[in-house]
Amino acid sequence: MTLSKTLRSLTLDLSAACLALAVWAQTADLSEGEIRKVDKEGGKMTLAHGPIKSIDMPPMTMVFTVKNPVLFGDLKKGDKVRFAVVREDGKLVVTEIVPAAAR
């Protein structure tokens, strides 16, 4: 292998490692919960969740607005998930949600 091919290969490996680290860092701040109800038509989801540090919320079960309908995906009642929430226009809004196993 030539030096330029080796450098190109190392650059690609480093890029992949950086991307993996960025994804891990984003999911490290997600809260954990379990879906209790999915209301795709209403754009809402009920979650039983642990502490949500980003908004200083203790564990409880509550209804959240889902920012983008795409986030519902194939999620269903009983699924364990990791998710991010923000306060937006007086509502608590889920901005990211993934199955708990997808860490």
N, C-alpha and C. Protein backbone atom coordinates (compact mmCIF):
# COMPACT_ATOMS: atom_id res chain seq x y z
N MET A 1 0.85 -1.16 0.00
CA MET A 1 0.00 0.00 0.00
C MET A 1 0.89 1.23 0.00
N THR A 2 0.53 2.21 -0.82
CA THR A 2 1.33 3.43 -0.90
C THR A 2 1.03 4.33 0.30
N LEU A 3 1.90 5.28 0.51
CA LEU A 3 1.74 6.20 1.62
C LEU A 3 0.43 6.98 1.50
N SER A 4 0.09 7.44 0.31
CA SER A 4 -1.14 8.23 0.14
C SER A 4 -2.38 7.38 0.42
N LYS A 5 -2.37 6.10 0.02
CA LYS A 5 -3.50 5.22 0.30
C LYS A 5 -3.59 4.94 1.80
N THR A 6 -2.46 4.78 2.45
CA THR A 6 -2.45 4.55 3.89
C THR A 6 -3.01 5.76 4.63
N LEU A 7 -2.57 6.96 4.23
CA LEU A 7 -3.07 8.18 4.86
C LEU A 7 -4.56 8.35 4.62
N ARG A 8 -5.02 8.06 3.41
CA ARG A 8 -6.44 8.17 3.09
C ARG A 8 -7.24 7.19 3.95
N SER A 9 -6.72 5.99 4.11
CA SER A 9 -7.40 4.97 4.92
C SER A 9 -7.46 5.41 6.39
N LEU A 10 -6.35 5.94 6.90
CA LEU A 10 -6.34 6.42 8.29
C LEU A 10 -7.29 7.60 8.48
N THR A 11 -7.37 8.48 7.50
CA THR A 11 -8.28 9.61 7.58
C THR A 11 -9.73 9.13 7.63
N LEU A 12 -10.08 8.14 6.81
CA LEU A 12 -11.43 7.60 6.83
C LEU A 12 -11.73 6.93 8.17
N ASP A 13 -10.76 6.18 8.70
CA ASP A 13 -10.95 5.52 10.00
C ASP A 13 -11.14 6.56 11.10
N LEU A 14 -10.36 7.63 11.07
CA LEU A 14 -10.48 8.69 12.07
C LEU A 14 -11.82 9.40 11.94
N SER A 15 -12.26 9.65 10.73
CA SER A 15 -13.56 10.29 10.51
C SER A 15 -14.68 9.43 11.07
N ALA A 16 -14.63 8.14 10.83
CA ALA A 16 -15.65 7.22 11.35
C ALA A 16 -15.64 7.20 12.88
N ALA A 17 -14.45 7.22 13.47
CA ALA A 17 -14.34 7.22 14.93
C ALA A 17 -14.91 8.52 15.51
N CYS A 18 -14.65 9.65 14.87
CA CYS A 18 -15.17 10.94 15.33
C CYS A 18 -16.70 10.97 15.24
N LEU A 19 -17.25 10.43 14.17
CA LEU A 19 -18.69 10.37 14.02
C LEU A 19 -19.31 9.50 15.11
N ALA A 20 -18.72 8.36 15.37
CA ALA A 20 -19.22 7.46 16.42
C ALA A 20 -19.17 8.14 17.78
N LEU A 21 -18.11 8.86 18.04
CA LEU A 21 -17.98 9.58 19.32
C LEU A 21 -19.04 10.67 19.44
N ALA A 22 -19.30 11.38 18.35
CA ALA A 22 -20.32 12.44 18.37
C ALA A 22 -21.70 11.86 18.63
N VAL A 23 -22.01 10.74 18.01
CA VAL A 23 -23.30 10.08 18.24
C VAL A 23 -23.40 9.62 19.68
N TRP A 24 -22.34 9.02 20.21
CA TRP A 24 -22.34 8.56 21.60
C TRP A 24 -22.54 9.74 22.55
N ALA A 25 -21.87 10.85 22.30
CA ALA A 25 -21.97 12.02 23.18
C ALA A 25 -23.39 12.57 23.19
N GLN A 26 -24.05 12.56 22.04
CA GLN A 26 -25.42 13.04 21.98
C GLN A 26 -26.35 12.12 22.76
N THR A 27 -26.21 10.82 22.62
CA THR A 27 -27.11 9.90 23.30
C THR A 27 -26.78 9.76 24.78
N ALA A 28 -25.58 10.17 25.20
CA ALA A 28 -25.21 10.08 26.61
C ALA A 28 -26.07 11.01 27.46
N ASP A 29 -26.59 12.10 26.88
CA ASP A 29 -27.41 13.06 27.62
C ASP A 29 -28.90 12.77 27.55
N LEU A 30 -29.29 11.67 26.94
CA LEU A 30 -30.70 11.34 26.82
C LEU A 30 -31.23 10.75 28.12
N SER A 31 -32.50 11.01 28.39
CA SER A 31 -33.16 10.45 29.56
C SER A 31 -33.76 9.09 29.20
N GLU A 32 -34.03 8.29 30.22
CA GLU A 32 -34.58 6.95 29.97
C GLU A 32 -36.05 6.93 30.34
N GLY A 33 -36.82 6.14 29.59
CA GLY A 33 -38.23 6.03 29.88
C GLY A 33 -38.85 4.83 29.21
N GLU A 34 -40.16 4.69 29.44
CA GLU A 34 -40.94 3.62 28.81
C GLU A 34 -42.21 4.25 28.25
N ILE A 35 -42.54 3.89 27.03
CA ILE A 35 -43.72 4.44 26.38
C ILE A 35 -44.97 3.80 27.00
N ARG A 36 -45.90 4.65 27.43
CA ARG A 36 -47.17 4.18 27.99
C ARG A 36 -48.30 4.34 26.98
N LYS A 37 -48.18 5.33 26.08
CA LYS A 37 -49.22 5.56 25.08
C LYS A 37 -48.62 6.35 23.92
N VAL A 38 -49.06 6.01 22.70
CA VAL A 38 -48.64 6.74 21.51
C VAL A 38 -49.89 7.31 20.84
N ASP A 39 -49.91 8.61 20.62
CA ASP A 39 -51.02 9.29 19.96
C ASP A 39 -50.46 10.03 18.75
N LYS A 40 -50.26 9.28 17.66
CA LYS A 40 -49.66 9.88 16.46
C LYS A 40 -50.54 11.00 15.90
N GLU A 41 -51.86 10.80 15.88
CA GLU A 41 -52.76 11.81 15.33
C GLU A 41 -52.69 13.11 16.14
N GLY A 42 -52.57 13.00 17.44
CA GLY A 42 -52.48 14.17 18.30
C GLY A 42 -51.08 14.72 18.47
N GLY A 43 -50.09 13.97 17.95
CA GLY A 43 -48.70 14.42 18.05
C GLY A 43 -48.16 14.35 19.47
N LYS A 44 -48.65 13.34 20.25
CA LYS A 44 -48.24 13.24 21.65
C LYS A 44 -47.85 11.82 22.01
N MET A 45 -47.11 11.72 23.10
CA MET A 45 -46.66 10.43 23.60
C MET A 45 -46.62 10.51 25.13
N THR A 46 -47.14 9.47 25.78
CA THR A 46 -47.07 9.40 27.23
C THR A 46 -45.87 8.55 27.60
N LEU A 47 -45.00 9.10 28.45
CA LEU A 47 -43.79 8.41 28.87
C LEU A 47 -43.71 8.32 30.39
N ALA A 48 -43.39 7.14 30.89
CA ALA A 48 -42.99 6.98 32.29
C ALA A 48 -41.48 7.12 32.24
N HIS A 49 -40.94 8.11 32.93
CA HIS A 49 -39.51 8.42 32.76
C HIS A 49 -38.79 8.58 34.08
N GLY A 50 -37.49 8.41 33.98
CA GLY A 50 -36.61 8.71 35.10
C GLY A 50 -36.36 10.21 35.13
N PRO A 51 -35.39 10.65 35.92
CA PRO A 51 -35.08 12.08 35.98
C PRO A 51 -34.69 12.63 34.61
N ILE A 52 -35.15 13.83 34.32
CA ILE A 52 -34.75 14.52 33.09
C ILE A 52 -33.89 15.70 33.53
N LYS A 53 -32.59 15.49 33.53
CA LYS A 53 -31.65 16.48 34.06
C LYS A 53 -31.68 17.80 33.29
N SER A 54 -31.90 17.73 31.97
CA SER A 54 -31.85 18.94 31.15
C SER A 54 -32.91 19.97 31.52
N ILE A 55 -34.02 19.51 32.11
CA ILE A 55 -35.07 20.44 32.52
C ILE A 55 -35.38 20.32 34.02
N ASP A 56 -34.49 19.65 34.74
CA ASP A 56 -34.59 19.51 36.19
C ASP A 56 -35.94 18.93 36.61
N MET A 57 -36.32 17.79 35.99
CA MET A 57 -37.60 17.16 36.28
C MET A 57 -37.38 15.81 36.95
N PRO A 58 -38.11 15.55 38.05
CA PRO A 58 -37.99 14.26 38.71
C PRO A 58 -38.72 13.17 37.93
N PRO A 59 -38.52 11.91 38.30
CA PRO A 59 -39.22 10.81 37.62
C PRO A 59 -40.74 10.94 37.77
N MET A 60 -41.45 10.63 36.70
CA MET A 60 -42.92 10.63 36.71
C MET A 60 -43.44 10.09 35.39
N THR A 61 -44.73 10.03 35.25
CA THR A 61 -45.37 9.66 33.99
C THR A 61 -46.15 10.87 33.51
N MET A 62 -45.93 11.25 32.25
CA MET A 62 -46.63 12.42 31.71
C MET A 62 -46.69 12.39 30.20
N VAL A 63 -47.53 13.26 29.65
CA VAL A 63 -47.71 13.38 28.21
C VAL A 63 -46.76 14.45 27.68
N PHE A 64 -46.09 14.13 26.58
CA PHE A 64 -45.19 15.07 25.91
C PHE A 64 -45.67 15.29 24.48
N THR A 65 -45.47 16.50 23.98
CA THR A 65 -45.66 16.78 22.56
C THR A 65 -44.43 16.23 21.83
N VAL A 66 -44.64 15.69 20.64
CA VAL A 66 -43.53 15.17 19.83
C VAL A 66 -43.28 16.16 18.71
N LYS A 67 -42.05 16.67 18.65
CA LYS A 67 -41.70 17.77 17.72
C LYS A 67 -41.95 17.42 16.26
N ASN A 68 -41.56 16.22 15.87
CA ASN A 68 -41.64 15.82 14.46
C ASN A 68 -42.30 14.45 14.38
N PRO A 69 -43.35 14.29 13.57
CA PRO A 69 -44.03 13.00 13.47
C PRO A 69 -43.10 11.85 13.07
N VAL A 70 -42.02 12.15 12.40
CA VAL A 70 -41.06 11.11 12.01
C VAL A 70 -40.49 10.41 13.25
N LEU A 71 -40.44 11.11 14.36
CA LEU A 71 -39.87 10.53 15.58
C LEU A 71 -40.67 9.34 16.09
N PHE A 72 -41.97 9.27 15.77
CA PHE A 72 -42.78 8.14 16.22
C PHE A 72 -42.26 6.82 15.65
N GLY A 73 -41.83 6.86 14.39
CA GLY A 73 -41.31 5.65 13.75
C GLY A 73 -42.18 4.44 14.05
N ASP A 74 -41.55 3.35 14.49
CA ASP A 74 -42.26 2.12 14.83
C ASP A 74 -42.43 1.97 16.34
N LEU A 75 -42.20 3.05 17.09
CA LEU A 75 -42.30 2.97 18.55
C LEU A 75 -43.72 2.64 18.98
N LYS A 76 -43.82 1.86 20.06
CA LYS A 76 -45.14 1.44 20.53
C LYS A 76 -45.15 1.34 22.05
N LYS A 77 -46.35 1.21 22.60
CA LYS A 77 -46.53 1.06 24.04
C LYS A 77 -45.65 -0.06 24.56
N GLY A 78 -44.97 0.20 25.68
CA GLY A 78 -44.11 -0.80 26.30
C GLY A 78 -42.65 -0.71 25.90
N ASP A 79 -42.35 0.00 24.81
CA ASP A 79 -40.95 0.13 24.38
C ASP A 79 -40.16 0.95 25.39
N LYS A 80 -38.97 0.51 25.70
CA LYS A 80 -38.04 1.27 26.53
C LYS A 80 -37.26 2.17 25.58
N VAL A 81 -37.15 3.46 25.95
CA VAL A 81 -36.54 4.44 25.06
C VAL A 81 -35.59 5.36 25.81
N ARG A 82 -34.79 6.07 25.02
CA ARG A 82 -33.95 7.16 25.50
C ARG A 82 -34.41 8.37 24.70
N PHE A 83 -34.55 9.52 25.37
CA PHE A 83 -35.15 10.66 24.68
C PHE A 83 -34.62 11.99 25.23
N ALA A 84 -34.80 13.03 24.41
CA ALA A 84 -34.43 14.39 24.81
C ALA A 84 -35.69 15.25 24.79
N VAL A 85 -35.78 16.17 25.77
CA VAL A 85 -36.94 17.06 25.90
C VAL A 85 -36.45 18.49 26.07
N VAL A 86 -37.18 19.42 25.46
CA VAL A 86 -36.93 20.85 25.65
C VAL A 86 -38.24 21.54 26.00
N ARG A 87 -38.13 22.71 26.62
CA ARG A 87 -39.31 23.55 26.86
C ARG A 87 -39.46 24.45 25.64
N GLU A 88 -40.65 24.43 25.04
CA GLU A 88 -40.88 25.21 23.82
C GLU A 88 -42.30 25.76 23.85
N ASP A 89 -42.44 27.07 23.86
CA ASP A 89 -43.75 27.72 23.88
C ASP A 89 -44.64 27.18 25.00
N GLY A 90 -44.07 26.99 26.18
CA GLY A 90 -44.83 26.53 27.33
C GLY A 90 -45.13 25.05 27.37
N LYS A 91 -44.61 24.30 26.40
CA LYS A 91 -44.84 22.86 26.35
C LYS A 91 -43.51 22.13 26.51
N LEU A 92 -43.60 20.88 26.99
CA LEU A 92 -42.43 20.02 27.01
C LEU A 92 -42.47 19.18 25.74
N VAL A 93 -41.42 19.31 24.94
CA VAL A 93 -41.41 18.73 23.60
C VAL A 93 -40.28 17.72 23.46
N VAL A 94 -40.62 16.52 23.00
CA VAL A 94 -39.63 15.49 22.69
C VAL A 94 -38.99 15.86 21.37
N THR A 95 -37.67 16.05 21.38
CA THR A 95 -36.94 16.43 20.16
C THR A 95 -36.13 15.29 19.57
N GLU A 96 -35.95 14.25 20.37
CA GLU A 96 -35.18 13.08 19.92
C GLU A 96 -35.66 11.89 20.75
N ILE A 97 -35.81 10.74 20.10
CA ILE A 97 -36.20 9.52 20.83
C ILE A 97 -35.69 8.31 20.06
N VAL A 98 -35.06 7.40 20.79
CA VAL A 98 -34.52 6.19 20.17
C VAL A 98 -34.80 5.00 21.10
N PRO A 99 -34.91 3.80 20.53
CA PRO A 99 -35.06 2.62 21.39
C PRO A 99 -33.87 2.55 22.34
N ALA A 100 -34.11 2.11 23.57
CA ALA A 100 -33.04 2.07 24.59
C ALA A 100 -31.87 1.20 24.15
N ALA A 101 -32.12 0.17 23.37
CA ALA A 101 -31.04 -0.71 22.92
C ALA A 101 -30.15 -0.04 21.88
N ALA A 102 -30.59 1.06 21.28
CA ALA A 102 -29.81 1.73 20.23
C ALA A 102 -28.87 2.75 20.84
N ARG A 103 -27.97 2.32 21.67
CA ARG A 103 -27.04 3.23 22.34
C ARG A 103 -25.70 3.21 21.68
